[in-house]
């Protein structure tokens, strides 16, 4: 999963405010807050992620095993999956977080279009 697969013009990342009137808030029990929506650009079927899925991320949350996270490294941000504290899950197994990588946000909800294209 890398940021370069979807051009910036495709609006891969959007900031939104979810309030009590939003379906995500009421149905999924999300707190009213600012979230960053990031579109998945590379599928990882074994983890249930499809290209085009939208993940709502919250900053300032602590992550745990199985969480989808935003990782910042050298000014670039990308998606990742936490295996356990200090370790990332990658298609080939598990690896430790590098000193240069920092988890900056945790995935709170996943949205998926079930049929049709816009």
N, C-alpha and C. Protein backbone atom coordinates (compact mmCIF):
# COMPACT_ATOMS: atom_id res chain seq x y z
N UNK A 1 0.85 -1.17 0.00
CA UNK A 1 0.00 0.00 0.00
C UNK A 1 0.90 1.24 0.00
N UNK A 2 0.89 1.96 -1.08
CA UNK A 2 1.73 3.15 -1.17
C UNK A 2 0.91 4.33 -1.63
N UNK A 3 1.37 5.52 -1.29
CA UNK A 3 0.65 6.74 -1.64
C UNK A 3 0.76 7.09 -3.12
N UNK A 4 1.74 6.52 -3.86
CA UNK A 4 1.92 6.99 -5.22
C UNK A 4 0.97 6.35 -6.23
N UNK A 5 0.22 5.34 -5.88
CA UNK A 5 -0.61 4.64 -6.85
C UNK A 5 -1.83 5.45 -7.29
N UNK A 6 -2.37 6.29 -6.44
CA UNK A 6 -3.51 7.12 -6.82
C UNK A 6 -3.04 8.56 -6.87
N UNK A 7 -3.17 9.22 -8.03
CA UNK A 7 -2.71 10.61 -8.13
C UNK A 7 -3.44 11.53 -7.16
N UNK A 8 -2.78 12.61 -6.76
CA UNK A 8 -3.35 13.56 -5.80
C UNK A 8 -4.70 14.09 -6.26
N UNK A 9 -4.88 14.26 -7.58
CA UNK A 9 -6.13 14.76 -8.12
C UNK A 9 -7.30 13.84 -7.85
N UNK A 10 -7.03 12.58 -7.51
CA UNK A 10 -8.09 11.62 -7.24
C UNK A 10 -8.61 11.75 -5.80
N UNK A 11 -8.08 12.70 -5.04
CA UNK A 11 -8.51 12.96 -3.66
C UNK A 11 -8.39 11.71 -2.79
N UNK A 12 -7.21 11.13 -2.77
CA UNK A 12 -6.98 9.93 -1.97
C UNK A 12 -7.12 10.22 -0.48
N UNK A 13 -6.84 11.44 -0.06
CA UNK A 13 -6.91 11.81 1.35
C UNK A 13 -7.79 13.04 1.52
N UNK A 14 -8.77 12.94 2.40
CA UNK A 14 -9.67 14.05 2.69
C UNK A 14 -9.85 14.17 4.20
N UNK A 15 -9.96 15.39 4.69
CA UNK A 15 -10.27 15.61 6.10
C UNK A 15 -11.76 15.86 6.21
N UNK A 16 -12.41 15.22 7.19
CA UNK A 16 -13.84 15.37 7.39
C UNK A 16 -14.13 15.52 8.89
N UNK A 17 -15.25 16.14 9.19
CA UNK A 17 -15.73 16.20 10.57
C UNK A 17 -16.96 15.33 10.64
N UNK A 18 -16.95 14.34 11.52
CA UNK A 18 -18.08 13.45 11.71
C UNK A 18 -18.84 13.94 12.94
N UNK A 19 -20.15 14.22 12.76
CA UNK A 19 -20.94 14.65 13.91
C UNK A 19 -22.08 13.66 14.16
N UNK A 20 -22.89 13.96 15.15
CA UNK A 20 -23.94 13.02 15.59
C UNK A 20 -24.98 12.74 14.51
N UNK A 21 -25.05 13.53 13.46
CA UNK A 21 -26.01 13.30 12.38
C UNK A 21 -25.47 12.36 11.30
N UNK A 22 -24.18 12.06 11.33
CA UNK A 22 -23.57 11.18 10.34
C UNK A 22 -23.83 9.72 10.67
N UNK A 23 -24.07 8.92 9.64
CA UNK A 23 -24.31 7.49 9.84
C UNK A 23 -23.13 6.82 10.54
N UNK A 24 -21.90 7.18 10.16
CA UNK A 24 -20.74 6.58 10.81
C UNK A 24 -20.78 6.80 12.32
N UNK A 25 -21.18 7.97 12.72
CA UNK A 25 -21.21 8.30 14.14
C UNK A 25 -22.28 7.48 14.86
N UNK A 26 -23.49 7.46 14.34
CA UNK A 26 -24.57 6.79 15.04
C UNK A 26 -24.52 5.28 14.92
N UNK A 27 -24.24 4.76 13.74
CA UNK A 27 -24.25 3.31 13.53
C UNK A 27 -23.00 2.63 14.10
N UNK A 28 -21.85 3.24 13.91
CA UNK A 28 -20.60 2.62 14.35
C UNK A 28 -20.12 3.11 15.71
N UNK A 29 -20.82 4.08 16.26
CA UNK A 29 -20.45 4.58 17.58
C UNK A 29 -19.17 5.41 17.58
N UNK A 30 -18.89 6.09 16.48
CA UNK A 30 -17.70 6.95 16.44
C UNK A 30 -17.96 8.23 17.22
N UNK A 31 -16.93 8.73 17.83
CA UNK A 31 -17.03 10.02 18.52
C UNK A 31 -17.11 11.15 17.50
N UNK A 32 -17.82 12.21 17.85
CA UNK A 32 -17.81 13.41 17.01
C UNK A 32 -16.39 13.94 17.04
N UNK A 33 -15.78 14.05 15.85
CA UNK A 33 -14.38 14.49 15.79
C UNK A 33 -13.98 14.70 14.34
N UNK A 34 -12.77 15.24 14.17
CA UNK A 34 -12.16 15.34 12.86
C UNK A 34 -11.49 14.01 12.54
N UNK A 35 -11.67 13.55 11.32
CA UNK A 35 -11.06 12.31 10.86
C UNK A 35 -10.40 12.58 9.52
N UNK A 36 -9.42 11.77 9.20
CA UNK A 36 -8.84 11.82 7.86
C UNK A 36 -9.29 10.56 7.15
N UNK A 37 -9.88 10.73 5.96
CA UNK A 37 -10.31 9.61 5.13
C UNK A 37 -9.19 9.31 4.14
N UNK A 38 -8.77 8.05 4.09
CA UNK A 38 -7.72 7.65 3.16
C UNK A 38 -8.25 6.49 2.33
N UNK A 39 -8.08 6.58 1.02
CA UNK A 39 -8.53 5.53 0.11
C UNK A 39 -7.41 4.50 -0.05
N UNK A 40 -7.76 3.24 0.12
CA UNK A 40 -6.81 2.14 -0.07
C UNK A 40 -6.55 2.01 -1.56
N UNK A 41 -5.27 1.99 -1.94
CA UNK A 41 -4.97 1.91 -3.37
C UNK A 41 -4.41 0.57 -3.79
N UNK A 42 -4.01 -0.28 -2.87
CA UNK A 42 -3.55 -1.63 -3.20
C UNK A 42 -4.29 -2.62 -2.30
N UNK A 43 -4.99 -3.56 -2.92
CA UNK A 43 -5.75 -4.55 -2.16
C UNK A 43 -4.82 -5.45 -1.35
N UNK A 44 -5.33 -5.90 -0.22
CA UNK A 44 -4.67 -6.92 0.60
C UNK A 44 -5.78 -7.87 1.04
N UNK A 45 -6.20 -8.76 0.14
CA UNK A 45 -7.37 -9.60 0.40
C UNK A 45 -7.28 -10.42 1.69
N UNK A 46 -6.09 -10.88 2.03
CA UNK A 46 -5.93 -11.69 3.25
C UNK A 46 -6.32 -10.90 4.50
N UNK A 47 -6.28 -9.57 4.41
CA UNK A 47 -6.62 -8.72 5.55
C UNK A 47 -7.96 -8.01 5.35
N UNK A 48 -8.66 -8.39 4.27
CA UNK A 48 -9.99 -7.83 4.03
C UNK A 48 -10.00 -6.44 3.45
N UNK A 49 -8.89 -6.00 2.88
CA UNK A 49 -8.83 -4.66 2.29
C UNK A 49 -8.88 -4.75 0.78
N UNK A 50 -9.74 -3.93 0.18
CA UNK A 50 -9.87 -3.85 -1.27
C UNK A 50 -9.44 -2.47 -1.73
N UNK A 51 -8.90 -2.40 -2.93
CA UNK A 51 -8.60 -1.09 -3.52
C UNK A 51 -9.91 -0.31 -3.61
N UNK A 52 -9.88 0.94 -3.20
CA UNK A 52 -11.08 1.77 -3.21
C UNK A 52 -11.77 1.88 -1.86
N UNK A 53 -11.43 0.98 -0.91
CA UNK A 53 -11.98 1.11 0.45
C UNK A 53 -11.55 2.45 1.03
N UNK A 54 -12.37 3.00 1.89
CA UNK A 54 -12.05 4.27 2.56
C UNK A 54 -11.96 4.00 4.05
N UNK A 55 -10.84 4.39 4.63
CA UNK A 55 -10.61 4.20 6.07
C UNK A 55 -10.63 5.56 6.74
N UNK A 56 -11.40 5.69 7.82
CA UNK A 56 -11.41 6.91 8.63
C UNK A 56 -10.36 6.76 9.72
N UNK A 57 -9.42 7.69 9.75
CA UNK A 57 -8.33 7.66 10.72
C UNK A 57 -8.49 8.76 11.75
N UNK A 58 -8.11 8.45 12.98
CA UNK A 58 -8.12 9.42 14.06
C UNK A 58 -6.70 9.59 14.58
N UNK A 59 -6.30 10.84 14.75
CA UNK A 59 -4.96 11.14 15.27
C UNK A 59 -4.99 11.11 16.79
N UNK A 60 -3.87 10.77 17.39
CA UNK A 60 -3.75 10.80 18.85
C UNK A 60 -4.29 9.56 19.54
N UNK A 61 -4.60 8.51 18.80
CA UNK A 61 -5.09 7.27 19.39
C UNK A 61 -3.93 6.29 19.54
N UNK A 62 -4.03 5.38 20.49
CA UNK A 62 -3.00 4.34 20.58
C UNK A 62 -3.47 3.13 19.79
N UNK A 63 -2.51 2.44 19.17
CA UNK A 63 -2.83 1.31 18.30
C UNK A 63 -2.57 0.00 19.01
N UNK A 64 -3.23 -1.03 18.52
CA UNK A 64 -3.04 -2.37 19.04
C UNK A 64 -2.99 -3.36 17.90
N UNK A 65 -2.75 -4.62 18.21
CA UNK A 65 -2.66 -5.66 17.20
C UNK A 65 -3.89 -5.71 16.31
N UNK A 66 -3.66 -5.77 15.01
CA UNK A 66 -4.74 -5.84 14.04
C UNK A 66 -5.23 -4.49 13.53
N UNK A 67 -4.78 -3.39 14.14
CA UNK A 67 -5.23 -2.06 13.71
C UNK A 67 -4.58 -1.64 12.40
N UNK A 68 -5.35 -0.94 11.58
CA UNK A 68 -4.84 -0.28 10.39
C UNK A 68 -4.36 1.09 10.84
N UNK A 69 -3.17 1.48 10.43
CA UNK A 69 -2.58 2.73 10.91
C UNK A 69 -2.01 3.53 9.75
N UNK A 70 -1.81 4.83 10.00
CA UNK A 70 -1.04 5.69 9.11
C UNK A 70 0.36 5.79 9.69
N UNK A 71 1.33 5.54 8.86
CA UNK A 71 2.73 5.57 9.28
C UNK A 71 3.41 6.72 8.55
N UNK A 72 4.11 7.55 9.30
CA UNK A 72 4.87 8.64 8.70
C UNK A 72 6.34 8.30 8.74
N UNK A 73 7.00 8.53 7.59
CA UNK A 73 8.44 8.29 7.49
C UNK A 73 9.01 9.24 6.46
N UNK A 74 10.00 10.02 6.85
CA UNK A 74 10.67 10.96 5.95
C UNK A 74 9.68 11.87 5.23
N UNK A 75 8.68 12.37 5.95
CA UNK A 75 7.71 13.29 5.38
C UNK A 75 6.63 12.63 4.53
N UNK A 76 6.70 11.34 4.34
CA UNK A 76 5.71 10.58 3.57
C UNK A 76 4.81 9.81 4.53
N UNK A 77 3.54 9.65 4.15
CA UNK A 77 2.60 8.89 4.97
C UNK A 77 2.06 7.73 4.15
N UNK A 78 1.94 6.57 4.78
CA UNK A 78 1.41 5.39 4.10
C UNK A 78 0.60 4.55 5.08
N UNK A 79 -0.20 3.65 4.53
CA UNK A 79 -0.99 2.74 5.36
C UNK A 79 -0.13 1.59 5.85
N UNK A 80 -0.49 1.05 6.99
CA UNK A 80 0.17 -0.13 7.52
C UNK A 80 -0.78 -0.89 8.43
N UNK A 81 -0.40 -2.11 8.78
CA UNK A 81 -1.16 -2.93 9.71
C UNK A 81 -0.27 -3.32 10.88
N UNK A 82 -0.79 -3.11 12.09
CA UNK A 82 -0.03 -3.45 13.29
C UNK A 82 -0.22 -4.93 13.59
N UNK A 83 0.88 -5.62 13.80
CA UNK A 83 0.83 -7.03 14.22
C UNK A 83 0.75 -7.09 15.74
N UNK A 84 1.65 -6.39 16.37
CA UNK A 84 1.71 -6.27 17.83
C UNK A 84 2.51 -5.00 18.10
N UNK A 85 2.50 -4.50 19.35
CA UNK A 85 3.23 -3.26 19.62
C UNK A 85 4.67 -3.31 19.10
N UNK A 86 5.00 -2.34 18.24
CA UNK A 86 6.36 -2.25 17.70
C UNK A 86 6.60 -3.08 16.45
N UNK A 87 5.57 -3.79 15.96
CA UNK A 87 5.75 -4.65 14.80
C UNK A 87 4.64 -4.43 13.77
N UNK A 88 5.03 -4.41 12.50
CA UNK A 88 4.10 -4.27 11.39
C UNK A 88 3.89 -5.61 10.71
N UNK A 89 2.69 -5.81 10.22
CA UNK A 89 2.40 -6.97 9.40
C UNK A 89 2.64 -6.55 7.96
N UNK A 90 3.37 -7.37 7.22
CA UNK A 90 3.64 -7.10 5.81
C UNK A 90 3.26 -8.36 5.04
N UNK A 91 3.06 -8.25 3.72
CA UNK A 91 2.66 -9.44 2.97
C UNK A 91 3.56 -10.65 3.19
N UNK A 92 4.83 -10.43 3.46
CA UNK A 92 5.75 -11.55 3.66
C UNK A 92 5.89 -12.01 5.10
N UNK A 93 5.15 -11.42 6.04
CA UNK A 93 5.27 -11.81 7.44
C UNK A 93 5.16 -10.62 8.38
N UNK A 94 6.11 -10.53 9.29
CA UNK A 94 6.11 -9.48 10.31
C UNK A 94 7.50 -8.86 10.36
N UNK A 95 7.54 -7.54 10.58
CA UNK A 95 8.83 -6.87 10.75
C UNK A 95 8.70 -5.79 11.81
N UNK A 96 9.80 -5.47 12.49
CA UNK A 96 9.74 -4.40 13.49
C UNK A 96 9.59 -3.03 12.83
N UNK A 97 8.95 -2.11 13.54
CA UNK A 97 8.92 -0.72 13.10
C UNK A 97 10.34 -0.19 13.07
N UNK A 98 10.68 0.54 12.03
CA UNK A 98 12.00 1.16 11.97
C UNK A 98 12.00 2.41 12.85
N UNK A 99 13.17 2.82 13.29
CA UNK A 99 13.30 4.04 14.10
C UNK A 99 12.77 5.26 13.35
N UNK A 100 12.84 5.23 12.02
CA UNK A 100 12.40 6.37 11.21
C UNK A 100 10.89 6.39 10.98
N UNK A 101 10.18 5.34 11.39
CA UNK A 101 8.73 5.25 11.19
C UNK A 101 8.00 5.63 12.47
N UNK A 102 6.93 6.40 12.30
CA UNK A 102 6.11 6.80 13.44
C UNK A 102 4.64 6.58 13.09
N UNK A 103 3.91 5.93 13.97
CA UNK A 103 2.47 5.76 13.79
C UNK A 103 1.82 7.07 14.20
N UNK A 104 1.07 7.68 13.26
CA UNK A 104 0.49 8.99 13.52
C UNK A 104 -1.03 8.96 13.67
N UNK A 105 -1.69 7.91 13.16
CA UNK A 105 -3.15 7.84 13.26
C UNK A 105 -3.58 6.37 13.21
N UNK A 106 -4.77 6.12 13.78
CA UNK A 106 -5.31 4.77 13.85
C UNK A 106 -6.65 4.72 13.12
N UNK A 107 -6.85 3.66 12.34
CA UNK A 107 -8.10 3.48 11.62
C UNK A 107 -9.25 3.20 12.59
N UNK A 108 -10.36 3.92 12.40
CA UNK A 108 -11.52 3.79 13.28
C UNK A 108 -12.72 3.17 12.58
N UNK A 109 -12.79 3.28 11.25
CA UNK A 109 -13.92 2.75 10.50
C UNK A 109 -13.50 2.52 9.06
N UNK A 110 -14.20 1.59 8.41
CA UNK A 110 -13.92 1.25 7.03
C UNK A 110 -15.19 1.40 6.23
N UNK A 111 -15.11 2.09 5.09
CA UNK A 111 -16.25 2.23 4.20
C UNK A 111 -15.94 1.56 2.87
N UNK A 112 -16.95 0.90 2.30
CA UNK A 112 -16.74 0.20 1.05
C UNK A 112 -17.97 0.37 0.16
N UNK A 113 -17.74 0.73 -1.08
CA UNK A 113 -18.82 0.79 -2.06
C UNK A 113 -19.11 -0.65 -2.49
N UNK A 114 -20.35 -1.05 -2.38
CA UNK A 114 -20.71 -2.43 -2.70
C UNK A 114 -21.03 -2.65 -4.17
N UNK A 115 -21.57 -1.65 -4.84
CA UNK A 115 -21.91 -1.83 -6.26
C UNK A 115 -21.88 -0.50 -6.98
N UNK A 116 -21.62 -0.56 -8.27
CA UNK A 116 -21.66 0.64 -9.09
C UNK A 116 -20.50 1.57 -8.90
N UNK A 117 -20.21 2.32 -9.91
CA UNK A 117 -19.14 3.32 -9.84
C UNK A 117 -19.76 4.70 -9.97
N UNK A 118 -19.12 5.66 -9.34
CA UNK A 118 -19.65 7.05 -9.40
C UNK A 118 -19.29 7.71 -10.69
